[in-house]
Amino acid sequence: MTQKFFTVAPMMDWTDRHCRAFHRVLSRRARLYTEMVTTGAVIHGPRERLLGFDPSEHPVAVQLGGSDPAELARAARICADFGYDEINLNVGCPSDRVQNGRFGACLMLEPALVGECVAAMKAAVVLPVTVKCRIGVDDQDPEEALDRLTDAVVAAGCDELTVHARKAWLQGLSPKENRDIPPLDYDRVYRLKQARPGLTVAINGGIKTMAEVHGHLRHVDGVMLGRAAYQEPEILLAVDRELYGETPPVADAFEAVAAYEPYMAARLAEGERLSAMTRHMLGLFTGRPGARAYRRHLATEAVKPGAGLETLREAVALVARATERLHGDRSAPALAEG
């Protein structure tokens, strides 16, 4: 029986290496994904900048965008050499740029080609090769479209299929609108798992709470959270305990900040800007006293040249003081010195 699992979705402009290092502070077990990177960028671009990651991020998967089997095989080998734990193929992104490159969600229209891509990558690497897709695009029948894609990738050796339980509308909707407007159809993903019990299936799309995660896991093998995990990252603190029966690496958001500081200090010493890291932390403390002041302080101060860890500590202190005023000393842990 497949162990139930939890992943954080690949999200363009969001799940960069700093974001993943921060999310790893909150959960040891959640599988993390890179932003989508195209085969051309992997093969011809600055690889360390595009693919480099901190060893603490494991388990971490790279998501590739492309539709040429030979190029995907070459890119997969490069990513394997970088030490990734999984190669994922994007068959779900609906942006115009992606469509013009003949990859992403438009590949739902070419399931045989997707199968060829998966087979090429499987032949090139020993890592798991997985696919993230939609239930269909435009006027496709989701029953037929998802079955056809699944048949093709399973025949090619796909190790896992993550399904965003919405159609993508390639014409008429923006990528942002495609995340919300097409209706969710979780039952379609459940039926896929029922029809193929031997296939590892994960579900994605519109999931916001751990209660919802548990509900989906009664029907599928895994759950992928996107915006909820990014915008309110403290939800990740529940993953290790509730899904894996393990103690989280930190007790709360205050400890998470302290645990992330050594990583931040190392990147600052390399010349990275503080805001490149703190932008992924703005959702911390959501709903707590002082959260708005925390976000405001980081938004205005972390972007300034030379901003360092003291700027972050000042922002966290605003939450700690507001919490102490409301609840007393017991709810406001002491802040790190220095």
Protein backbone atom coordinates (compact mmCIF):
# COMPACT_ATOMS: atom_id res chain seq x y z
CA MET A 1 0.00 0.00 0.00
CA THR A 2 1.34 3.45 -0.97
CA GLN A 3 2.14 5.67 2.01
CA LYS A 4 0.07 8.83 1.99
CA PHE A 5 2.16 11.88 1.22
CA PHE A 6 2.12 15.67 1.07
CA THR A 7 3.79 18.04 -1.37
CA VAL A 8 4.10 21.79 -1.93
CA ALA A 9 3.29 22.76 -5.50
CA PRO A 10 5.78 24.19 -7.96
CA MET A 11 4.84 27.86 -8.33
CA MET A 12 6.46 30.30 -10.72
CA ASP A 13 8.14 33.26 -8.99
CA TRP A 14 7.39 31.71 -5.60
CA THR A 15 9.03 28.33 -4.92
CA ASP A 16 12.62 29.39 -5.48
CA ARG A 17 15.50 28.00 -3.44
CA HIS A 18 14.98 30.49 -0.59
CA CYS A 19 11.30 29.61 -0.33
CA ARG A 20 12.07 25.89 -0.30
CA ALA A 21 14.73 26.29 2.39
CA PHE A 22 12.19 28.16 4.51
CA HIS A 23 9.47 25.57 3.97
CA ARG A 24 11.89 22.83 4.94
CA VAL A 25 12.33 24.53 8.32
CA LEU A 26 8.60 23.95 8.89
CA SER A 27 8.39 20.33 7.71
CA ARG A 28 10.98 17.61 7.26
CA ARG A 29 8.64 15.39 5.28
CA ALA A 30 6.77 17.59 2.80
CA ARG A 31 8.14 17.06 -0.70
CA LEU A 32 9.19 20.37 -2.24
CA TYR A 33 9.28 21.40 -5.91
CA THR A 34 11.24 23.95 -7.87
CA GLU A 35 9.61 26.52 -10.04
CA MET A 36 9.15 25.18 -13.55
CA VAL A 37 12.38 25.44 -15.54
CA THR A 38 12.42 24.89 -19.30
CA THR A 39 14.62 22.34 -20.98
CA GLY A 40 16.31 25.11 -22.94
CA ALA A 41 17.22 26.95 -19.77
CA VAL A 42 18.57 23.78 -18.16
CA ILE A 43 20.66 22.85 -21.19
CA HIS A 44 21.92 26.29 -22.20
CA GLY A 45 21.37 28.59 -19.21
CA PRO A 46 23.21 29.34 -15.95
CA ARG A 47 22.66 25.99 -14.30
CA GLU A 48 23.84 26.78 -10.80
CA ARG A 49 21.55 29.78 -10.58
CA LEU A 50 18.60 27.88 -12.04
CA LEU A 51 19.08 24.49 -10.40
CA GLY A 52 21.27 24.99 -7.36
CA PHE A 53 19.71 24.17 -4.01
CA ASP A 54 20.64 23.76 -0.39
CA PRO A 55 21.12 20.15 0.80
CA SER A 56 18.57 20.79 3.56
CA GLU A 57 15.83 20.93 0.92
CA HIS A 58 15.69 17.16 0.37
CA PRO A 59 13.33 15.61 -0.60
CA VAL A 60 13.13 18.07 -3.50
CA ALA A 61 11.91 17.61 -7.06
CA VAL A 62 12.64 19.63 -10.17
CA GLN A 63 9.79 20.48 -12.54
CA LEU A 64 10.70 20.63 -16.21
CA GLY A 65 8.85 22.34 -19.02
CA GLY A 66 9.32 20.98 -22.51
CA SER A 67 7.94 18.72 -25.20
CA ASP A 68 11.00 17.40 -27.04
CA PRO A 69 11.80 13.91 -25.70
CA ALA A 70 15.51 14.15 -26.44
CA GLU A 71 15.84 17.56 -24.80
CA LEU A 72 13.85 16.40 -21.78
CA ALA A 73 16.09 13.36 -21.44
CA ARG A 74 19.18 15.56 -21.56
CA ALA A 75 17.72 18.02 -19.07
CA ALA A 76 16.69 15.18 -16.76
CA ARG A 77 20.25 13.84 -16.71
CA ILE A 78 21.57 17.29 -15.83
CA CYS A 79 19.04 17.62 -13.00
CA ALA A 80 19.87 14.15 -11.73
CA ASP A 81 23.53 15.13 -11.57
CA PHE A 82 22.55 18.14 -9.46
CA GLY A 83 21.11 15.74 -6.89
CA TYR A 84 17.35 16.14 -7.27
CA ASP A 85 15.13 13.37 -5.94
CA GLU A 86 12.51 13.44 -8.70
CA ILE A 87 11.93 14.76 -12.22
CA ASN A 88 8.45 16.19 -12.81
CA LEU A 89 6.99 17.12 -16.20
CA ASN A 90 4.67 20.14 -16.39
CA VAL A 91 1.48 19.33 -18.30
CA GLY A 92 -0.64 21.86 -16.48
CA CYS A 93 0.60 25.45 -16.89
CA PRO A 94 -1.76 27.47 -19.12
CA SER A 95 0.29 30.63 -19.76
CA ASP A 96 0.66 31.99 -23.29
CA ARG A 97 4.45 31.78 -23.07
CA VAL A 98 4.23 28.12 -22.20
CA GLN A 99 1.75 27.42 -24.98
CA ASN A 100 3.99 29.14 -27.49
CA GLY A 101 6.75 26.80 -26.42
CA ARG A 102 4.43 23.80 -26.92
CA PHE A 103 4.52 22.60 -23.35
CA GLY A 104 2.44 22.89 -20.21
CA ALA A 105 -1.32 22.38 -20.31
CA CYS A 106 -1.54 22.35 -24.11
CA LEU A 107 0.17 18.95 -23.98
CA MET A 108 -3.12 17.55 -22.67
CA LEU A 109 -4.03 17.64 -26.37
CA GLU A 110 -1.05 15.42 -27.26
CA PRO A 111 -1.04 12.50 -24.82
CA ALA A 112 1.07 10.29 -27.08
CA LEU A 113 3.81 12.93 -27.12
CA VAL A 114 3.68 13.21 -23.34
CA GLY A 115 4.15 9.45 -23.17
CA GLU A 116 7.21 9.72 -25.42
CA CYS A 117 8.61 12.45 -23.17
CA VAL A 118 8.15 10.37 -20.03
CA ALA A 119 9.69 7.29 -21.69
CA ALA A 120 12.73 9.30 -22.76
CA MET A 121 13.29 10.63 -19.26
CA LYS A 122 12.76 7.21 -17.70
CA ALA A 123 15.44 5.82 -20.01
CA ALA A 124 17.81 8.64 -19.09
CA VAL A 125 17.66 8.63 -15.28
CA VAL A 126 17.04 6.23 -12.41
CA LEU A 127 15.05 8.84 -10.47
CA PRO A 128 11.25 8.77 -10.28
CA VAL A 129 9.70 10.53 -13.27
CA THR A 130 6.33 12.09 -12.51
CA VAL A 131 3.74 14.23 -14.29
CA LYS A 132 1.55 17.14 -13.13
CA CYS A 133 -1.47 17.74 -15.33
CA ARG A 134 -5.02 19.12 -15.50
CA ILE A 135 -8.24 17.14 -15.98
CA GLY A 136 -8.43 18.59 -19.49
CA VAL A 137 -8.27 21.79 -21.51
CA ASP A 138 -10.86 23.89 -23.30
CA ASP A 139 -13.68 21.75 -24.69
CA GLN A 140 -12.10 18.39 -23.88
CA ASP A 141 -14.24 15.84 -22.05
CA PRO A 142 -12.41 15.41 -18.71
CA GLU A 143 -13.30 11.72 -18.58
CA GLU A 144 -11.70 10.98 -21.92
CA ALA A 145 -8.88 13.53 -21.75
CA LEU A 146 -7.53 12.47 -18.36
CA ASP A 147 -7.85 8.78 -19.20
CA ARG A 148 -5.96 9.20 -22.46
CA LEU A 149 -3.14 11.11 -20.82
CA THR A 150 -2.98 8.64 -17.96
CA ASP A 151 -2.87 5.65 -20.30
CA ALA A 152 0.01 7.21 -22.21
CA VAL A 153 2.16 8.12 -19.23
CA VAL A 154 1.52 4.88 -17.37
CA ALA A 155 2.56 2.90 -20.42
CA ALA A 156 5.74 4.99 -20.51
CA GLY A 157 6.57 4.19 -16.88
CA CYS A 158 5.34 7.30 -15.06
CA ASP A 159 5.89 6.84 -11.33
CA GLU A 160 3.27 9.28 -10.08
CA LEU A 161 0.53 11.53 -11.45
CA THR A 162 -0.53 14.76 -9.74
CA VAL A 163 -3.79 16.14 -11.08
CA HIS A 164 -4.91 19.74 -10.70
CA ALA A 165 -8.63 19.07 -10.51
CA ARG A 166 -9.67 21.81 -12.95
CA LYS A 167 -9.68 22.26 -16.66
CA ALA A 168 -7.33 24.86 -18.12
CA TRP A 169 -8.81 27.28 -20.61
CA LEU A 170 -6.04 28.07 -23.05
CA GLN A 171 -8.04 30.85 -24.70
CA GLY A 172 -9.86 33.59 -22.84
CA LEU A 173 -8.48 33.15 -19.31
CA SER A 174 -5.24 34.38 -17.81
CA PRO A 175 -3.01 32.02 -15.81
CA LYS A 176 -4.33 33.66 -12.63
CA GLU A 177 -7.94 33.17 -13.73
CA ASN A 178 -7.16 29.56 -14.61
CA ARG A 179 -6.32 28.96 -10.95
CA ASP A 180 -9.80 29.99 -9.81
CA ILE A 181 -12.47 30.23 -12.49
CA PRO A 182 -12.68 26.72 -13.98
CA PRO A 183 -14.71 24.67 -11.49
CA LEU A 184 -13.01 22.08 -9.33
CA ASP A 185 -13.89 18.45 -9.97
CA TYR A 186 -12.28 16.43 -7.22
CA ASP A 187 -14.52 13.46 -7.97
CA ARG A 188 -12.88 13.11 -11.38
CA VAL A 189 -9.51 12.58 -9.69
CA TYR A 190 -11.05 10.15 -7.22
CA ARG A 191 -12.45 8.12 -10.12
CA LEU A 192 -9.04 8.02 -11.73
CA LYS A 193 -7.55 6.48 -8.60
CA GLN A 194 -10.42 4.02 -8.27
CA ALA A 195 -9.93 2.88 -11.86
CA ARG A 196 -6.15 2.54 -11.46
CA PRO A 197 -5.46 1.47 -7.90
CA GLY A 198 -1.85 0.61 -8.76
CA LEU A 199 -1.05 4.15 -9.93
CA THR A 200 0.14 6.67 -7.35
CA VAL A 201 -2.23 9.64 -7.67
CA ALA A 202 -2.03 13.01 -5.94
CA ILE A 203 -4.63 15.77 -6.03
CA ASN A 204 -4.13 19.54 -6.31
CA GLY A 205 -6.30 22.61 -6.62
CA GLY A 206 -8.13 24.85 -4.16
CA ILE A 207 -7.09 22.92 -1.04
CA LYS A 208 -6.68 25.24 1.93
CA THR A 209 -6.70 23.34 5.24
CA MET A 210 -5.33 20.21 6.85
CA ALA A 211 -8.91 19.03 7.36
CA GLU A 212 -9.35 19.12 3.59
CA VAL A 213 -6.03 17.32 3.15
CA HIS A 214 -7.24 14.48 5.36
CA GLY A 215 -10.51 14.33 3.43
CA HIS A 216 -8.75 13.94 0.08
CA LEU A 217 -6.38 11.32 1.43
CA ARG A 218 -9.34 9.03 1.93
CA HIS A 219 -9.56 8.85 -1.86
CA VAL A 220 -6.06 9.41 -3.27
CA ASP A 221 -2.45 8.79 -2.29
CA GLY A 222 -1.15 12.33 -1.96
CA VAL A 223 -2.16 15.96 -1.66
CA MET A 224 -0.34 18.93 -3.17
CA LEU A 225 -0.91 22.37 -1.65
CA GLY A 226 -0.03 25.50 -3.56
CA ARG A 227 -1.08 28.99 -2.55
CA ALA A 228 -2.31 27.97 0.90
CA ALA A 229 1.11 26.60 1.82
CA TYR A 230 2.78 29.73 0.53
CA GLN A 231 0.42 32.37 1.86
CA GLU A 232 0.00 30.78 5.30
CA PRO A 233 3.15 28.68 5.68
CA GLU A 234 2.39 27.72 9.29
CA ILE A 235 0.06 25.08 7.86
CA LEU A 236 3.24 23.11 7.13
CA LEU A 237 3.86 22.77 10.86
CA ALA A 238 0.98 20.27 10.99
CA VAL A 239 2.22 18.05 8.17
CA ASP A 240 4.85 15.96 9.96
CA ARG A 241 2.69 15.33 13.02
CA GLU A 242 -0.66 14.71 11.36
CA LEU A 243 0.44 12.78 8.26
CA TYR A 244 3.67 11.11 9.31
CA GLY A 245 3.31 10.77 13.08
CA GLU A 246 6.51 12.73 13.69
CA THR A 247 7.37 15.78 15.77
CA PRO A 248 7.69 18.93 13.64
CA PRO A 249 11.21 20.39 13.41
CA VAL A 250 10.04 23.59 15.14
CA ALA A 251 7.19 24.29 17.52
CA ASP A 252 5.86 27.53 16.07
CA ALA A 253 6.51 30.46 13.76
CA PHE A 254 8.90 32.12 16.20
CA GLU A 255 11.11 29.03 16.27
CA ALA A 256 10.84 28.78 12.50
CA VAL A 257 12.34 32.23 12.07
CA ALA A 258 15.20 31.37 14.41
CA ALA A 259 15.85 28.09 12.59
CA TYR A 260 15.90 29.85 9.21
CA GLU A 261 18.34 32.54 10.33
CA PRO A 262 21.57 30.53 9.72
CA TYR A 263 20.52 29.92 6.13
CA MET A 264 19.69 33.59 5.69
CA ALA A 265 22.99 34.67 7.23
CA ALA A 266 24.90 32.46 4.80
CA ARG A 267 23.05 33.87 1.80
CA LEU A 268 23.49 37.46 3.01
CA ALA A 269 27.22 36.81 3.29
CA GLU A 270 27.14 35.71 -0.36
CA GLY A 271 25.60 39.03 -1.37
CA GLU A 272 21.93 38.08 -1.53
CA ARG A 273 19.39 40.72 -0.54
CA LEU A 274 17.35 40.19 2.60
CA SER A 275 14.09 40.81 0.75
CA ALA A 276 14.77 37.87 -1.58
CA MET A 277 14.24 35.65 1.45
CA THR A 278 11.80 37.56 3.63
CA ARG A 279 9.29 37.88 0.79
CA HIS A 280 8.54 34.20 1.34
CA MET A 281 7.91 34.80 5.05
CA LEU A 282 5.24 37.49 4.80
CA GLY A 283 2.47 34.97 5.47
CA LEU A 284 3.93 33.95 8.82
CA PHE A 285 1.93 34.97 11.88
CA THR A 286 -1.26 35.36 9.85
CA GLY A 287 -4.13 35.98 12.24
CA ARG A 288 -1.86 36.86 15.17
CA PRO A 289 -1.67 40.24 16.89
CA GLY A 290 1.04 42.30 15.22
CA ALA A 291 0.98 40.36 11.94
CA ARG A 292 0.11 43.41 9.87
CA ALA A 293 2.90 45.45 11.46
CA TYR A 294 5.30 42.55 10.83
CA ARG A 295 4.40 42.46 7.13
CA ARG A 296 4.59 46.23 6.80
CA HIS A 297 8.02 46.37 8.43
CA LEU A 298 9.44 43.70 6.14
CA ALA A 299 7.82 45.17 3.05
CA THR A 300 9.35 48.60 3.69
CA GLU A 301 12.65 47.81 5.44
CA ALA A 302 13.88 44.48 4.04
CA VAL A 303 14.13 45.91 0.53
CA LYS A 304 16.63 48.57 1.59
CA PRO A 305 20.28 48.07 0.62
CA GLY A 306 22.26 46.55 3.44
CA ALA A 307 19.23 45.27 5.33
CA GLY A 308 20.23 42.35 7.53
CA LEU A 309 18.88 39.95 10.10
CA GLU A 310 18.24 42.76 12.56
CA THR A 311 15.50 43.97 10.22
CA LEU A 312 13.79 40.60 10.40
CA ARG A 313 14.18 40.48 14.17
CA GLU A 314 12.61 43.91 14.49
CA ALA A 315 9.60 42.69 12.49
CA VAL A 316 9.23 39.55 14.61
CA ALA A 317 9.51 41.64 17.78
CA LEU A 318 6.39 43.53 16.71
CA VAL A 319 4.45 40.26 16.81
CA ALA A 320 6.07 39.12 20.05
CA ARG A 321 5.22 42.36 21.83
CA ALA A 322 1.64 42.39 20.52
CA THR A 323 1.21 38.78 21.58
CA GLU A 324 2.61 39.50 25.02
CA ARG A 325 0.26 42.42 25.49
CA LEU A 326 -2.70 40.24 24.60
CA HIS A 327 -1.77 36.95 26.27
CA GLY A 328 1.07 37.60 28.67
CA ASP A 329 4.60 36.24 28.70
CA ARG A 330 3.63 32.60 28.15
CA SER A 331 2.66 33.12 24.49
CA ALA A 332 5.58 35.30 23.44
CA PRO A 333 8.88 33.39 23.31
CA ALA A 334 12.10 35.24 23.83
CA LEU A 335 13.81 36.42 20.65
CA ALA A 336 17.32 35.41 19.67
CA GLU A 337 20.07 37.79 20.68
CA GLY A 338 22.54 39.26 18.23
